[in-house]
């Protein structure tokens, strides 16, 4: 499971000219599910993201988590995170989970995140989405549950 995590002042996702998810201060998570992912990958990545200490404390040091700052979470599915661009000019998505598995894992990821008692908004799985954000910092991190990077 892979995620691009961006610390934001605000973020939203739009489908068919309708805002379907919106947050204020918090984290935008672009989430990709791999074909080899298991429930353990969900557990690991949700816990890692919720507890990342990437918000500033009173001294301006990144020392606080999403929970500490009572931030919000916007989770958007993005299978292209598994795009392999090492050969040729067109990415291969052979490591992405098939849509039926990816949708189940995306939903489980959302439910696990909600158990932390934070405001969670989402995109729409499989839809064409427009994602808007104001990155705070900017702070952008790449996470992989298999610890590839």
N, C-alpha and C. Protein backbone atom coordinates (compact mmCIF):
# COMPACT_ATOMS: atom_id res chain seq x y z
N UNK A 1 0.86 -1.16 0.00
CA UNK A 1 0.00 0.00 0.00
C UNK A 1 0.90 1.23 0.00
N UNK A 2 0.56 2.17 -0.82
CA UNK A 2 1.36 3.39 -0.93
C UNK A 2 0.50 4.62 -0.69
N UNK A 3 1.15 5.64 -0.15
CA UNK A 3 0.44 6.90 0.10
C UNK A 3 1.35 8.09 -0.16
N UNK A 4 0.76 9.11 -0.74
CA UNK A 4 1.37 10.43 -0.77
C UNK A 4 0.60 11.22 0.27
N UNK A 5 1.32 11.71 1.28
CA UNK A 5 0.70 12.42 2.40
C UNK A 5 1.13 13.87 2.34
N UNK A 6 0.15 14.77 2.28
CA UNK A 6 0.45 16.19 2.22
C UNK A 6 -0.21 16.91 3.39
N UNK A 7 0.61 17.68 4.10
CA UNK A 7 0.07 18.51 5.18
C UNK A 7 -0.60 19.70 4.51
N UNK A 8 -1.87 19.94 4.84
CA UNK A 8 -2.63 20.97 4.15
C UNK A 8 -3.30 21.93 5.12
N UNK A 9 -3.52 23.14 4.62
CA UNK A 9 -4.36 24.10 5.33
C UNK A 9 -5.82 23.85 4.99
N UNK A 10 -6.03 23.35 3.75
CA UNK A 10 -7.36 22.92 3.32
C UNK A 10 -7.20 22.08 2.06
N UNK A 11 -8.17 21.22 1.82
CA UNK A 11 -8.16 20.38 0.63
C UNK A 11 -9.59 19.96 0.32
N UNK A 12 -9.83 19.69 -0.96
CA UNK A 12 -11.16 19.23 -1.37
C UNK A 12 -11.03 18.33 -2.59
N UNK A 13 -12.08 17.55 -2.81
CA UNK A 13 -12.15 16.69 -3.99
C UNK A 13 -13.52 16.89 -4.63
N UNK A 14 -13.50 17.00 -5.95
CA UNK A 14 -14.69 17.30 -6.72
C UNK A 14 -14.93 16.20 -7.75
N UNK A 15 -16.21 15.80 -7.88
CA UNK A 15 -16.63 14.84 -8.90
C UNK A 15 -17.86 15.43 -9.59
N UNK A 16 -17.83 15.48 -10.91
CA UNK A 16 -18.96 16.01 -11.70
C UNK A 16 -19.40 17.39 -11.20
N UNK A 17 -18.42 18.26 -10.99
CA UNK A 17 -18.65 19.65 -10.57
C UNK A 17 -19.31 19.77 -9.20
N UNK A 18 -19.20 18.73 -8.37
CA UNK A 18 -19.73 18.76 -7.00
C UNK A 18 -18.59 18.45 -6.03
N UNK A 19 -18.44 19.28 -5.00
CA UNK A 19 -17.47 18.98 -3.94
C UNK A 19 -18.04 17.82 -3.12
N UNK A 20 -17.30 16.70 -3.09
CA UNK A 20 -17.79 15.54 -2.34
C UNK A 20 -17.02 15.31 -1.05
N UNK A 21 -15.85 15.94 -0.92
CA UNK A 21 -15.05 15.83 0.28
C UNK A 21 -14.26 17.10 0.49
N UNK A 22 -14.18 17.56 1.74
CA UNK A 22 -13.47 18.81 2.02
C UNK A 22 -12.98 18.77 3.46
N UNK A 23 -11.75 19.24 3.66
CA UNK A 23 -11.21 19.36 5.01
C UNK A 23 -10.52 20.70 5.17
N UNK A 24 -10.33 21.07 6.41
CA UNK A 24 -9.49 22.21 6.75
C UNK A 24 -8.14 21.65 7.16
N UNK A 25 -7.47 22.25 8.12
CA UNK A 25 -6.14 21.82 8.52
C UNK A 25 -6.08 20.31 8.77
N UNK A 26 -5.11 19.68 8.11
CA UNK A 26 -4.96 18.25 8.30
C UNK A 26 -4.07 17.64 7.25
N UNK A 27 -4.45 16.42 6.82
CA UNK A 27 -3.65 15.67 5.86
C UNK A 27 -4.50 15.21 4.69
N UNK A 28 -3.98 15.43 3.49
CA UNK A 28 -4.53 14.85 2.28
C UNK A 28 -3.73 13.59 2.01
N UNK A 29 -4.42 12.46 1.87
CA UNK A 29 -3.76 11.18 1.61
C UNK A 29 -4.23 10.66 0.26
N UNK A 30 -3.29 10.55 -0.68
CA UNK A 30 -3.55 9.88 -1.95
C UNK A 30 -3.12 8.44 -1.73
N UNK A 31 -4.05 7.49 -1.88
CA UNK A 31 -3.82 6.12 -1.46
C UNK A 31 -3.88 5.15 -2.63
N UNK A 32 -2.83 4.35 -2.77
CA UNK A 32 -2.80 3.30 -3.78
C UNK A 32 -2.72 1.93 -3.12
N UNK A 33 -3.45 0.97 -3.66
CA UNK A 33 -3.46 -0.38 -3.13
C UNK A 33 -2.73 -1.30 -4.11
N UNK A 34 -1.80 -2.08 -3.57
CA UNK A 34 -1.03 -3.01 -4.39
C UNK A 34 -1.64 -4.40 -4.39
N UNK A 35 -1.34 -5.16 -5.43
CA UNK A 35 -1.94 -6.49 -5.57
C UNK A 35 -1.50 -7.46 -4.48
N UNK A 36 -0.37 -7.20 -3.83
CA UNK A 36 0.14 -8.09 -2.77
C UNK A 36 -0.26 -7.61 -1.36
N UNK A 37 -1.01 -6.53 -1.25
CA UNK A 37 -1.35 -5.97 0.06
C UNK A 37 -2.26 -6.89 0.86
N UNK A 38 -2.11 -6.80 2.18
CA UNK A 38 -2.93 -7.57 3.12
C UNK A 38 -3.51 -6.60 4.15
N UNK A 39 -4.30 -7.14 5.07
CA UNK A 39 -4.88 -6.34 6.15
C UNK A 39 -3.77 -5.67 6.98
N UNK A 40 -2.64 -6.32 7.11
CA UNK A 40 -1.52 -5.76 7.87
C UNK A 40 -1.02 -4.46 7.25
N UNK A 41 -1.08 -4.36 5.93
CA UNK A 41 -0.66 -3.13 5.26
C UNK A 41 -1.59 -1.98 5.61
N UNK A 42 -2.87 -2.27 5.71
CA UNK A 42 -3.84 -1.24 6.10
C UNK A 42 -3.52 -0.76 7.52
N UNK A 43 -3.39 -1.70 8.43
CA UNK A 43 -3.11 -1.36 9.84
C UNK A 43 -1.86 -0.49 9.95
N UNK A 44 -0.79 -0.95 9.30
CA UNK A 44 0.49 -0.24 9.38
C UNK A 44 0.36 1.19 8.86
N UNK A 45 -0.22 1.33 7.67
CA UNK A 45 -0.24 2.64 7.03
C UNK A 45 -1.17 3.63 7.73
N UNK A 46 -2.34 3.17 8.17
CA UNK A 46 -3.24 4.07 8.90
C UNK A 46 -2.56 4.56 10.17
N UNK A 47 -2.00 3.64 10.94
CA UNK A 47 -1.33 4.01 12.19
C UNK A 47 -0.17 4.97 11.93
N UNK A 48 0.61 4.71 10.91
CA UNK A 48 1.75 5.56 10.57
C UNK A 48 1.29 6.98 10.23
N UNK A 49 0.28 7.08 9.38
CA UNK A 49 -0.19 8.39 8.93
C UNK A 49 -0.80 9.19 10.08
N UNK A 50 -1.67 8.57 10.85
CA UNK A 50 -2.35 9.27 11.95
C UNK A 50 -1.36 9.77 12.99
N UNK A 51 -0.29 9.03 13.18
CA UNK A 51 0.67 9.37 14.24
C UNK A 51 1.95 10.04 13.76
N UNK A 52 2.06 10.34 12.46
CA UNK A 52 3.23 11.06 11.97
C UNK A 52 3.35 12.40 12.67
N UNK A 53 4.50 12.70 13.18
CA UNK A 53 4.71 13.98 13.88
C UNK A 53 5.24 15.00 12.87
N UNK A 54 4.30 15.59 12.12
CA UNK A 54 4.68 16.51 11.05
C UNK A 54 3.98 17.87 11.16
N UNK A 55 3.37 18.12 12.31
CA UNK A 55 2.77 19.43 12.56
C UNK A 55 3.63 20.17 13.58
N UNK A 56 3.69 21.48 13.42
CA UNK A 56 4.56 22.30 14.26
C UNK A 56 4.04 22.43 15.69
N UNK A 57 4.99 22.34 16.64
CA UNK A 57 4.67 22.63 18.02
C UNK A 57 4.85 24.13 18.27
N UNK A 58 4.79 24.57 19.51
CA UNK A 58 4.90 26.00 19.83
C UNK A 58 6.25 26.59 19.46
N UNK A 59 7.27 25.75 19.37
CA UNK A 59 8.62 26.22 19.00
C UNK A 59 8.86 26.14 17.49
N UNK A 60 7.84 25.74 16.73
CA UNK A 60 7.98 25.66 15.29
C UNK A 60 8.66 24.38 14.80
N UNK A 61 8.80 23.39 15.67
CA UNK A 61 9.40 22.11 15.28
C UNK A 61 8.30 21.11 14.94
N UNK A 62 8.53 20.31 13.91
CA UNK A 62 7.56 19.27 13.56
C UNK A 62 7.61 18.20 14.64
N UNK A 63 6.65 18.29 15.55
CA UNK A 63 6.67 17.44 16.73
C UNK A 63 5.28 16.92 17.11
N UNK A 64 4.25 17.34 16.36
CA UNK A 64 2.88 16.99 16.72
C UNK A 64 2.22 16.15 15.62
N UNK A 65 1.33 15.26 16.03
CA UNK A 65 0.61 14.40 15.08
C UNK A 65 -0.73 15.02 14.71
N UNK A 66 -1.39 14.37 13.77
CA UNK A 66 -2.74 14.77 13.37
C UNK A 66 -3.68 14.76 14.58
N UNK A 67 -3.53 13.77 15.43
CA UNK A 67 -4.35 13.69 16.64
C UNK A 67 -4.07 14.85 17.58
N UNK A 68 -2.79 15.20 17.73
CA UNK A 68 -2.40 16.29 18.64
C UNK A 68 -3.01 17.62 18.23
N UNK A 69 -3.10 17.87 16.91
CA UNK A 69 -3.60 19.16 16.43
C UNK A 69 -5.08 19.11 16.08
N UNK A 70 -5.70 17.94 16.35
CA UNK A 70 -7.12 17.75 16.02
C UNK A 70 -7.39 18.08 14.56
N UNK A 71 -6.50 17.56 13.70
CA UNK A 71 -6.61 17.79 12.27
C UNK A 71 -7.60 16.86 11.61
N UNK A 72 -7.84 17.13 10.34
CA UNK A 72 -8.79 16.34 9.56
C UNK A 72 -8.04 15.54 8.49
N UNK A 73 -8.73 14.58 7.91
CA UNK A 73 -8.12 13.68 6.95
C UNK A 73 -8.99 13.60 5.70
N UNK A 74 -8.38 13.78 4.53
CA UNK A 74 -9.06 13.58 3.25
C UNK A 74 -8.34 12.44 2.54
N UNK A 75 -9.06 11.34 2.27
CA UNK A 75 -8.46 10.15 1.68
C UNK A 75 -9.01 9.98 0.27
N UNK A 76 -8.09 9.94 -0.71
CA UNK A 76 -8.46 9.84 -2.12
C UNK A 76 -7.75 8.65 -2.74
N UNK A 77 -8.50 7.76 -3.37
CA UNK A 77 -7.88 6.60 -4.01
C UNK A 77 -7.11 7.04 -5.26
N UNK A 78 -5.95 6.40 -5.47
CA UNK A 78 -5.14 6.75 -6.64
C UNK A 78 -4.27 5.56 -7.04
N UNK A 79 -4.80 4.75 -7.96
CA UNK A 79 -4.08 3.54 -8.36
C UNK A 79 -2.78 3.86 -9.08
N UNK A 80 -2.66 5.06 -9.63
CA UNK A 80 -1.45 5.41 -10.38
C UNK A 80 -0.20 5.48 -9.51
N UNK A 81 -0.36 5.40 -8.19
CA UNK A 81 0.82 5.37 -7.32
C UNK A 81 1.64 4.11 -7.53
N UNK A 82 1.05 3.11 -8.16
CA UNK A 82 1.78 1.89 -8.48
C UNK A 82 2.27 1.88 -9.93
N UNK A 83 2.21 3.02 -10.59
CA UNK A 83 2.71 3.10 -11.95
C UNK A 83 4.23 2.90 -11.99
N UNK A 84 4.68 1.94 -12.77
CA UNK A 84 6.11 1.65 -12.92
C UNK A 84 6.59 2.29 -14.22
N UNK A 85 7.44 3.29 -14.08
CA UNK A 85 7.91 4.06 -15.23
C UNK A 85 9.34 3.73 -15.62
N UNK A 86 9.87 2.64 -15.13
CA UNK A 86 11.28 2.32 -15.37
C UNK A 86 11.55 1.93 -16.82
N UNK A 87 10.58 1.37 -17.51
CA UNK A 87 10.78 0.98 -18.90
C UNK A 87 9.81 1.72 -19.80
N UNK A 88 10.29 2.11 -20.93
CA UNK A 88 9.42 2.76 -21.90
C UNK A 88 8.90 4.10 -21.41
N UNK A 89 7.84 4.53 -22.04
CA UNK A 89 7.28 5.85 -21.73
C UNK A 89 5.86 5.79 -21.22
N UNK A 90 5.31 4.60 -21.20
CA UNK A 90 3.96 4.46 -20.67
C UNK A 90 4.04 3.62 -19.40
N UNK A 91 3.52 4.13 -18.28
CA UNK A 91 3.61 3.38 -17.02
C UNK A 91 2.90 2.03 -17.10
N UNK A 92 3.45 1.07 -16.40
CA UNK A 92 2.81 -0.23 -16.22
C UNK A 92 2.15 -0.22 -14.85
N UNK A 93 0.92 -0.71 -14.80
CA UNK A 93 0.19 -0.76 -13.54
C UNK A 93 0.00 -2.19 -13.06
N UNK A 94 0.90 -3.07 -13.44
CA UNK A 94 0.75 -4.49 -13.13
C UNK A 94 0.85 -4.79 -11.63
N UNK A 95 1.43 -3.89 -10.84
CA UNK A 95 1.52 -4.10 -9.40
C UNK A 95 0.34 -3.52 -8.63
N UNK A 96 -0.56 -2.81 -9.33
CA UNK A 96 -1.77 -2.29 -8.69
C UNK A 96 -2.73 -3.43 -8.41
N UNK A 97 -3.47 -3.29 -7.33
CA UNK A 97 -4.51 -4.29 -7.03
C UNK A 97 -5.62 -4.18 -8.07
N UNK A 98 -6.29 -5.29 -8.38
CA UNK A 98 -7.46 -5.20 -9.25
C UNK A 98 -8.54 -4.35 -8.56
N UNK A 99 -9.40 -3.71 -9.34
CA UNK A 99 -10.38 -2.78 -8.76
C UNK A 99 -11.23 -3.35 -7.63
N UNK A 100 -11.66 -4.60 -7.72
CA UNK A 100 -12.51 -5.14 -6.66
C UNK A 100 -11.77 -5.22 -5.33
N UNK A 101 -10.52 -5.66 -5.35
CA UNK A 101 -9.72 -5.71 -4.12
C UNK A 101 -9.39 -4.30 -3.63
N UNK A 102 -8.99 -3.44 -4.55
CA UNK A 102 -8.61 -2.07 -4.19
C UNK A 102 -9.76 -1.33 -3.52
N UNK A 103 -10.97 -1.51 -4.02
CA UNK A 103 -12.13 -0.83 -3.43
C UNK A 103 -12.38 -1.30 -2.00
N UNK A 104 -12.28 -2.60 -1.78
CA UNK A 104 -12.47 -3.15 -0.42
C UNK A 104 -11.40 -2.61 0.52
N UNK A 105 -10.14 -2.62 0.09
CA UNK A 105 -9.05 -2.14 0.95
C UNK A 105 -9.16 -0.64 1.19
N UNK A 106 -9.55 0.12 0.19
CA UNK A 106 -9.76 1.57 0.34
C UNK A 106 -10.82 1.81 1.41
N UNK A 107 -11.92 1.08 1.34
CA UNK A 107 -13.00 1.23 2.32
C UNK A 107 -12.54 0.85 3.73
N UNK A 108 -11.79 -0.23 3.84
CA UNK A 108 -11.28 -0.66 5.14
C UNK A 108 -10.30 0.37 5.72
N UNK A 109 -9.49 0.97 4.85
CA UNK A 109 -8.56 2.01 5.28
C UNK A 109 -9.34 3.18 5.88
N UNK A 110 -10.39 3.60 5.21
CA UNK A 110 -11.23 4.71 5.68
C UNK A 110 -11.85 4.37 7.03
N UNK A 111 -12.42 3.18 7.15
CA UNK A 111 -13.05 2.78 8.41
C UNK A 111 -12.06 2.73 9.55
N UNK A 112 -10.86 2.23 9.29
CA UNK A 112 -9.81 2.18 10.31
C UNK A 112 -9.43 3.60 10.75
N UNK A 113 -9.31 4.51 9.80
CA UNK A 113 -8.95 5.89 10.13
C UNK A 113 -10.05 6.55 10.98
N UNK A 114 -11.30 6.27 10.67
CA UNK A 114 -12.41 6.86 11.42
C UNK A 114 -12.42 6.43 12.88
N UNK A 115 -11.87 5.27 13.17
CA UNK A 115 -11.84 4.76 14.55
C UNK A 115 -10.99 5.62 15.47
N UNK A 116 -10.17 6.50 14.90
CA UNK A 116 -9.35 7.40 15.71
C UNK A 116 -10.14 8.62 16.18
N UNK A 117 -11.40 8.73 15.75
CA UNK A 117 -12.25 9.82 16.21
C UNK A 117 -11.99 11.16 15.54
N UNK A 118 -11.36 11.14 14.38
CA UNK A 118 -11.09 12.38 13.65
C UNK A 118 -12.08 12.52 12.50
N UNK A 119 -12.21 13.74 11.97
CA UNK A 119 -13.06 13.98 10.82
C UNK A 119 -12.36 13.41 9.59
N UNK A 120 -13.03 12.48 8.90
CA UNK A 120 -12.48 11.86 7.71
C UNK A 120 -13.42 12.13 6.54
N UNK A 121 -12.87 12.71 5.47
CA UNK A 121 -13.60 12.90 4.22
C UNK A 121 -12.93 12.05 3.16
N UNK A 122 -13.65 11.79 2.07
CA UNK A 122 -13.11 10.91 1.04
C UNK A 122 -13.43 11.40 -0.36
N UNK A 123 -12.71 10.79 -1.28
CA UNK A 123 -13.05 10.93 -2.68
C UNK A 123 -14.06 9.85 -3.04
N UNK A 124 -14.19 9.56 -4.33
CA UNK A 124 -15.11 8.53 -4.81
C UNK A 124 -14.29 7.51 -5.59
N UNK A 125 -14.23 6.28 -5.08
CA UNK A 125 -13.40 5.26 -5.69
C UNK A 125 -13.75 5.08 -7.17
N UNK A 126 -12.73 5.12 -8.00
CA UNK A 126 -12.89 4.87 -9.43
C UNK A 126 -13.40 6.04 -10.25
N UNK A 127 -13.78 7.12 -9.60
CA UNK A 127 -14.31 8.28 -10.33
C UNK A 127 -13.18 9.17 -10.82
N UNK A 128 -13.47 9.96 -11.83
CA UNK A 128 -12.55 11.01 -12.25
C UNK A 128 -12.74 12.15 -11.25
N UNK A 129 -11.66 12.53 -10.58
CA UNK A 129 -11.75 13.51 -9.51
C UNK A 129 -10.81 14.68 -9.76
N UNK A 130 -11.20 15.82 -9.27
CA UNK A 130 -10.34 17.00 -9.25
C UNK A 130 -10.02 17.27 -7.79
N UNK A 131 -8.73 17.24 -7.47
CA UNK A 131 -8.30 17.43 -6.09
C UNK A 131 -7.63 18.79 -5.98
N UNK A 132 -8.08 19.58 -5.02
CA UNK A 132 -7.50 20.90 -4.77
C UNK A 132 -6.93 20.92 -3.37
N UNK A 133 -5.84 21.64 -3.20
CA UNK A 133 -5.24 21.72 -1.87
C UNK A 133 -4.38 22.96 -1.73
N UNK A 134 -4.23 23.38 -0.50
CA UNK A 134 -3.22 24.36 -0.13
C UNK A 134 -2.26 23.62 0.77
N UNK A 135 -1.09 23.28 0.21
CA UNK A 135 -0.08 22.53 0.94
C UNK A 135 0.53 23.46 1.97
N UNK A 136 0.68 22.98 3.17
CA UNK A 136 1.20 23.75 4.29
C UNK A 136 2.67 23.42 4.51
N UNK A 137 3.55 24.29 4.11
CA UNK A 137 4.98 24.08 4.32
C UNK A 137 5.84 24.44 3.12
N UNK A 138 5.81 23.71 2.06
CA UNK A 138 5.06 22.49 1.81
C UNK A 138 5.67 21.30 2.53
N UNK A 139 4.79 20.41 2.98
CA UNK A 139 5.20 19.14 3.58
C UNK A 139 4.51 18.04 2.79
N UNK A 140 5.30 17.22 2.12
CA UNK A 140 4.79 16.10 1.33
C UNK A 140 5.69 14.90 1.59
N UNK A 141 5.07 13.77 1.96
CA UNK A 141 5.82 12.55 2.27
C UNK A 141 5.31 11.38 1.45
N UNK A 142 6.22 10.47 1.11
CA UNK A 142 5.87 9.24 0.42
C UNK A 142 5.98 8.09 1.41
N UNK A 143 4.95 7.28 1.50
CA UNK A 143 4.96 6.13 2.41
C UNK A 143 4.62 4.87 1.63
N UNK A 144 5.25 3.77 2.03
CA UNK A 144 5.00 2.47 1.42
C UNK A 144 4.96 1.44 2.54
N UNK A 145 3.88 0.68 2.63
CA UNK A 145 3.75 -0.28 3.73
C UNK A 145 4.77 -1.41 3.63
N UNK A 146 5.33 -1.62 2.46
CA UNK A 146 6.37 -2.65 2.30
C UNK A 146 7.76 -2.05 2.56
N UNK A 147 7.77 -0.76 2.88
CA UNK A 147 9.00 -0.01 3.19
C UNK A 147 9.99 -0.04 2.04
N UNK A 148 9.44 0.06 0.81
CA UNK A 148 10.26 0.10 -0.39
C UNK A 148 11.03 1.43 -0.45
N UNK A 149 10.41 2.48 0.06
CA UNK A 149 11.07 3.78 0.15
C UNK A 149 10.64 4.48 1.41
